[in-house]
Amino acid sequence: MEEITNLSPKADASLYNGQPTDTGLSCPSARLTSRTPSISKNKGGVSVENVPLESKRWFVLRVSYGRILKAQTYVECKGIDCYVPLRYRQITKQGKKRIVTEPLLPSFLFVHATCSQVETLFRKLNASDSRSLLSFYYDHTSYREDAPDKNPPLIISDSAMNNFIRLTSIKNPHVIPVTSENIMYKLGDEVVITEGEFMGIHGRVARIAGQQRVVVELFDGCLVATAYVPKAAMSQLRM
């Protein structure tokens, strides 16, 4: 499914990316904007067992193939904030350039909720859906204290998620998902972009398809690159 949209020079960090037209679900009261969390001092993922049960955090949920819009609508209908990043592609139809949208990461849905809210979401879903629509994406770098042979659900810190939302809300067709095989990091180049439409985004400098870009890595295997960024528009972060 493609949605035609106008190209805007400004990023909207609270943009709710994507509105399904036919998902098999109906929810007239669903919220169509996602709340961007305030920036915190934490970076990257944090383990679920270190977070109070009723504190809202950003969970990464896996979505079964081809059902991202149905998952988005289902979560919204339950009154839970979620975020679906879009990819903005430029196409030419009948001699006119247009921007179309499609899910940037069709296998992932980002939910801002408490752990108990997500577990309730799963329980209600299992009773109403014969196929698995949503499941936790687990943190494979740590283990649960109560079950040492199991991984906890992955949680993304507010600061990391805010950075990711700011990048993926920019309607630029050159913002793309990448894999580690596509890029070559420059050792130690942790930067913040200081000019242009990507100003404020922080990540690592890389060369992709012969261009210098900044890559935001939300978690292992989830990498998104900016468009070309000149060296003069970057400032190296001091660790």
Protein backbone atom coordinates (compact mmCIF):
# COMPACT_ATOMS: atom_id res chain seq x y z
CA MET A 1 0.00 0.00 0.00
CA GLU A 2 1.27 3.44 -0.90
CA GLU A 3 0.18 6.80 0.44
CA ILE A 4 0.83 10.00 -1.49
CA THR A 5 2.12 12.85 0.62
CA ASN A 6 3.70 16.25 0.07
CA LEU A 7 7.39 16.70 0.72
CA SER A 8 7.92 19.03 3.68
CA PRO A 9 11.26 20.73 4.42
CA LYS A 10 10.63 20.51 8.17
CA ALA A 11 10.67 17.44 10.40
CA ASP A 12 7.79 16.87 12.80
CA ALA A 13 9.03 14.74 15.70
CA SER A 14 5.47 13.97 16.76
CA LEU A 15 4.38 12.87 13.28
CA TYR A 16 2.30 9.72 13.43
CA ASN A 17 3.56 7.80 10.45
CA GLY A 18 0.95 6.04 8.41
CA GLN A 19 -2.82 5.68 8.40
CA PRO A 20 -4.21 2.35 7.22
CA THR A 21 -7.12 2.31 4.81
CA ASP A 22 -8.11 -1.34 5.17
CA THR A 23 -6.86 -3.34 8.13
CA GLY A 24 -9.90 -5.39 9.04
CA LEU A 25 -10.26 -3.34 12.23
CA SER A 26 -12.38 -0.28 12.95
CA CYS A 27 -11.53 2.27 15.61
CA PRO A 28 -12.98 5.75 15.01
CA SER A 29 -11.52 7.09 18.27
CA ALA A 30 -7.93 5.91 17.68
CA ARG A 31 -5.28 8.58 18.27
CA LEU A 32 -3.42 9.53 15.13
CA THR A 33 -0.48 11.27 16.79
CA SER A 34 2.30 9.67 18.79
CA ARG A 35 3.74 11.42 21.85
CA THR A 36 7.48 11.91 21.63
CA PRO A 37 9.09 11.27 25.04
CA SER A 38 11.30 13.81 26.73
CA ILE A 39 15.04 13.36 26.31
CA SER A 40 16.78 11.51 29.13
CA LYS A 41 20.46 10.93 29.86
CA ASN A 42 20.25 7.20 29.10
CA LYS A 43 21.45 5.76 25.80
CA GLY A 44 20.49 2.60 23.96
CA GLY A 45 18.49 -0.31 25.36
CA VAL A 46 17.85 -1.00 29.01
CA SER A 47 16.86 -4.26 30.64
CA VAL A 48 13.21 -4.71 31.56
CA GLU A 49 13.95 -6.10 35.02
CA ASN A 50 15.60 -2.81 36.00
CA VAL A 51 12.48 -0.78 35.20
CA PRO A 52 9.51 -0.32 37.58
CA LEU A 53 6.58 -2.37 36.31
CA GLU A 54 4.19 0.55 35.93
CA SER A 55 6.63 2.98 34.30
CA LYS A 56 5.98 3.59 30.62
CA ARG A 57 8.86 2.59 28.39
CA TRP A 58 9.44 2.01 24.69
CA PHE A 59 9.02 -1.70 23.88
CA VAL A 60 10.03 -3.19 20.53
CA LEU A 61 7.39 -5.62 19.25
CA ARG A 62 7.73 -8.02 16.35
CA VAL A 63 4.91 -8.00 13.81
CA SER A 64 3.94 -10.95 11.63
CA TYR A 65 4.64 -10.52 7.92
CA GLY A 66 2.47 -8.05 6.04
CA ARG A 67 0.38 -7.03 9.07
CA ILE A 68 2.05 -3.86 10.35
CA LEU A 69 -0.98 -1.63 9.69
CA LYS A 70 -3.36 -4.07 11.36
CA ALA A 71 -1.03 -4.20 14.38
CA GLN A 72 -0.87 -0.39 14.51
CA THR A 73 -4.66 -0.08 14.47
CA TYR A 74 -5.11 -2.80 17.08
CA VAL A 75 -2.70 -1.11 19.52
CA GLU A 76 -4.27 2.33 18.96
CA CYS A 77 -7.75 0.90 19.59
CA LYS A 78 -6.54 -0.19 23.03
CA GLY A 79 -5.53 3.39 23.83
CA ILE A 80 -1.78 2.71 23.72
CA ASP A 81 0.74 5.01 22.03
CA CYS A 82 2.79 3.42 19.27
CA TYR A 83 5.09 4.53 16.48
CA VAL A 84 5.42 3.19 12.93
CA PRO A 85 8.34 4.81 11.09
CA LEU A 86 7.80 5.40 7.39
CA ARG A 87 10.08 5.50 4.41
CA TYR A 88 9.46 8.36 2.02
CA ARG A 89 10.23 7.40 -1.59
CA GLN A 90 10.21 9.74 -4.57
CA ILE A 91 8.55 8.37 -7.69
CA THR A 92 7.59 9.82 -11.06
CA LYS A 93 4.10 9.21 -12.41
CA GLN A 94 2.89 10.78 -15.64
CA GLY A 95 5.88 13.11 -15.60
CA LYS A 96 5.19 14.38 -12.07
CA LYS A 97 7.38 13.73 -9.04
CA ARG A 98 5.58 12.51 -5.95
CA ILE A 99 6.48 11.18 -2.53
CA VAL A 100 4.96 7.85 -1.49
CA THR A 101 5.17 6.28 1.94
CA GLU A 102 5.70 2.71 3.07
CA PRO A 103 6.73 1.12 6.39
CA LEU A 104 10.44 1.68 6.96
CA LEU A 105 10.77 -1.38 9.24
CA PRO A 106 7.75 -3.60 8.41
CA SER A 107 8.65 -6.20 11.04
CA PHE A 108 8.72 -3.85 14.06
CA LEU A 109 6.21 -1.77 16.01
CA PHE A 110 7.38 0.58 18.78
CA VAL A 111 4.97 0.78 21.73
CA HIS A 112 5.12 3.31 24.59
CA ALA A 113 3.44 1.55 27.52
CA THR A 114 3.94 -0.22 30.82
CA CYS A 115 4.98 -3.86 30.89
CA SER A 116 1.57 -4.85 32.27
CA GLN A 117 -0.21 -2.97 29.48
CA VAL A 118 1.75 -4.85 26.83
CA GLU A 119 1.12 -8.21 28.49
CA THR A 120 -2.61 -7.42 28.64
CA LEU A 121 -2.45 -6.48 24.97
CA PHE A 122 -1.03 -9.90 24.14
CA ARG A 123 -3.62 -11.77 26.23
CA LYS A 124 -6.54 -10.04 24.51
CA LEU A 125 -4.92 -10.55 21.12
CA ASN A 126 -4.44 -14.29 21.62
CA ALA A 127 -8.14 -14.65 22.29
CA SER A 128 -9.18 -12.79 19.14
CA ASP A 129 -6.55 -13.59 16.51
CA SER A 130 -5.83 -17.08 15.24
CA ARG A 131 -2.38 -16.05 13.98
CA SER A 132 0.31 -14.38 16.06
CA LEU A 133 0.14 -10.66 15.24
CA LEU A 134 2.51 -9.28 17.88
CA SER A 135 5.27 -10.63 20.10
CA PHE A 136 8.11 -9.23 22.19
CA TYR A 137 11.49 -8.57 20.59
CA TYR A 138 13.98 -9.81 23.18
CA ASP A 139 17.22 -8.33 24.45
CA HIS A 140 19.78 -10.95 23.45
CA THR A 141 22.58 -9.24 25.38
CA SER A 142 21.16 -9.93 28.86
CA TYR A 143 19.23 -12.52 30.86
CA ARG A 144 16.31 -12.42 33.25
CA GLU A 145 17.10 -12.60 36.95
CA ASP A 146 14.16 -14.93 37.59
CA ALA A 147 14.98 -17.14 34.56
CA PRO A 148 18.72 -17.14 33.75
CA ASP A 149 18.17 -19.12 30.55
CA LYS A 150 15.78 -16.54 29.07
CA ASN A 151 16.23 -13.05 27.63
CA PRO A 152 14.08 -10.11 28.80
CA PRO A 153 12.04 -7.99 26.36
CA LEU A 154 14.09 -5.22 24.77
CA ILE A 155 13.37 -1.69 26.01
CA ILE A 156 14.66 1.43 24.25
CA SER A 157 15.57 4.46 26.35
CA ASP A 158 13.67 7.70 25.83
CA SER A 159 16.75 9.53 24.52
CA ALA A 160 17.54 6.85 21.93
CA MET A 161 13.91 6.62 20.81
CA ASN A 162 13.59 10.39 20.61
CA ASN A 163 16.66 10.53 18.35
CA PHE A 164 15.24 7.75 16.16
CA ILE A 165 11.80 9.41 15.88
CA ARG A 166 13.37 12.74 14.95
CA LEU A 167 15.31 11.11 12.12
CA THR A 168 12.51 8.92 10.76
CA SER A 169 9.98 11.78 10.88
CA ILE A 170 11.97 13.76 8.32
CA LYS A 171 10.26 13.43 4.95
CA ASN A 172 13.44 12.86 2.96
CA PRO A 173 13.53 9.98 0.45
CA HIS A 174 17.25 9.49 1.14
CA VAL A 175 16.64 8.39 4.76
CA ILE A 176 17.00 4.62 4.39
CA PRO A 177 17.34 1.45 6.47
CA VAL A 178 20.76 -0.19 6.14
CA THR A 179 22.58 -3.30 7.30
CA SER A 180 26.07 -3.59 8.70
CA GLU A 181 27.18 -5.12 5.38
CA ASN A 182 26.28 -1.88 3.56
CA ILE A 183 28.42 0.45 5.67
CA MET A 184 31.97 1.06 6.80
CA TYR A 185 32.19 2.92 10.11
CA LYS A 186 34.97 5.38 10.75
CA LEU A 187 36.41 4.36 14.09
CA GLY A 188 35.45 6.74 16.89
CA ASP A 189 33.31 9.07 14.80
CA GLU A 190 30.35 9.59 17.10
CA VAL A 191 28.81 12.87 15.92
CA VAL A 192 25.87 15.23 16.26
CA ILE A 193 24.59 17.03 13.17
CA THR A 194 24.72 20.79 13.68
CA GLU A 195 23.18 22.17 10.48
CA GLY A 196 20.45 21.46 7.97
CA GLU A 197 17.29 19.36 8.18
CA PHE A 198 19.04 16.66 10.25
CA MET A 199 20.27 19.11 12.90
CA GLY A 200 20.29 17.55 16.37
CA ILE A 201 20.48 13.93 15.16
CA HIS A 202 23.36 11.99 16.69
CA GLY A 203 24.90 8.78 15.38
CA ARG A 204 28.01 7.36 13.72
CA VAL A 205 29.61 8.53 10.50
CA ALA A 206 29.64 6.01 7.66
CA ARG A 207 30.09 5.86 3.91
CA ILE A 208 27.12 4.33 2.12
CA ALA A 209 26.94 4.12 -1.67
CA GLY A 210 29.88 6.50 -1.86
CA GLN A 211 28.27 9.17 0.32
CA GLN A 212 29.08 10.36 3.83
CA ARG A 213 26.06 9.86 6.08
CA VAL A 214 25.20 9.49 9.76
CA VAL A 215 23.79 6.17 10.91
CA VAL A 216 21.47 5.82 13.89
CA GLU A 217 21.56 2.34 15.45
CA LEU A 218 18.54 1.82 17.67
CA PHE A 219 19.43 -1.79 18.51
CA ASP A 220 21.41 -4.61 16.95
CA GLY A 221 20.23 -5.00 13.37
CA CYS A 222 18.11 -1.82 13.35
CA LEU A 223 20.09 0.87 11.55
CA VAL A 224 18.79 3.90 9.66
CA ALA A 225 20.95 6.32 7.68
CA THR A 226 20.49 10.02 6.94
CA ALA A 227 20.98 11.50 3.51
CA TYR A 228 24.41 12.94 2.67
CA VAL A 229 25.80 15.15 5.46
CA PRO A 230 28.90 17.32 4.80
CA LYS A 231 31.72 17.22 7.32
CA ALA A 232 31.22 20.90 8.15
CA ALA A 233 27.69 20.11 9.37
CA MET A 234 28.91 17.65 12.05
CA SER A 235 30.46 17.96 15.47
CA GLN A 236 32.27 15.05 17.07
CA LEU A 237 30.85 13.90 20.38
CA ARG A 238 33.28 13.57 23.27
CA MET A 239 32.74 10.39 25.26
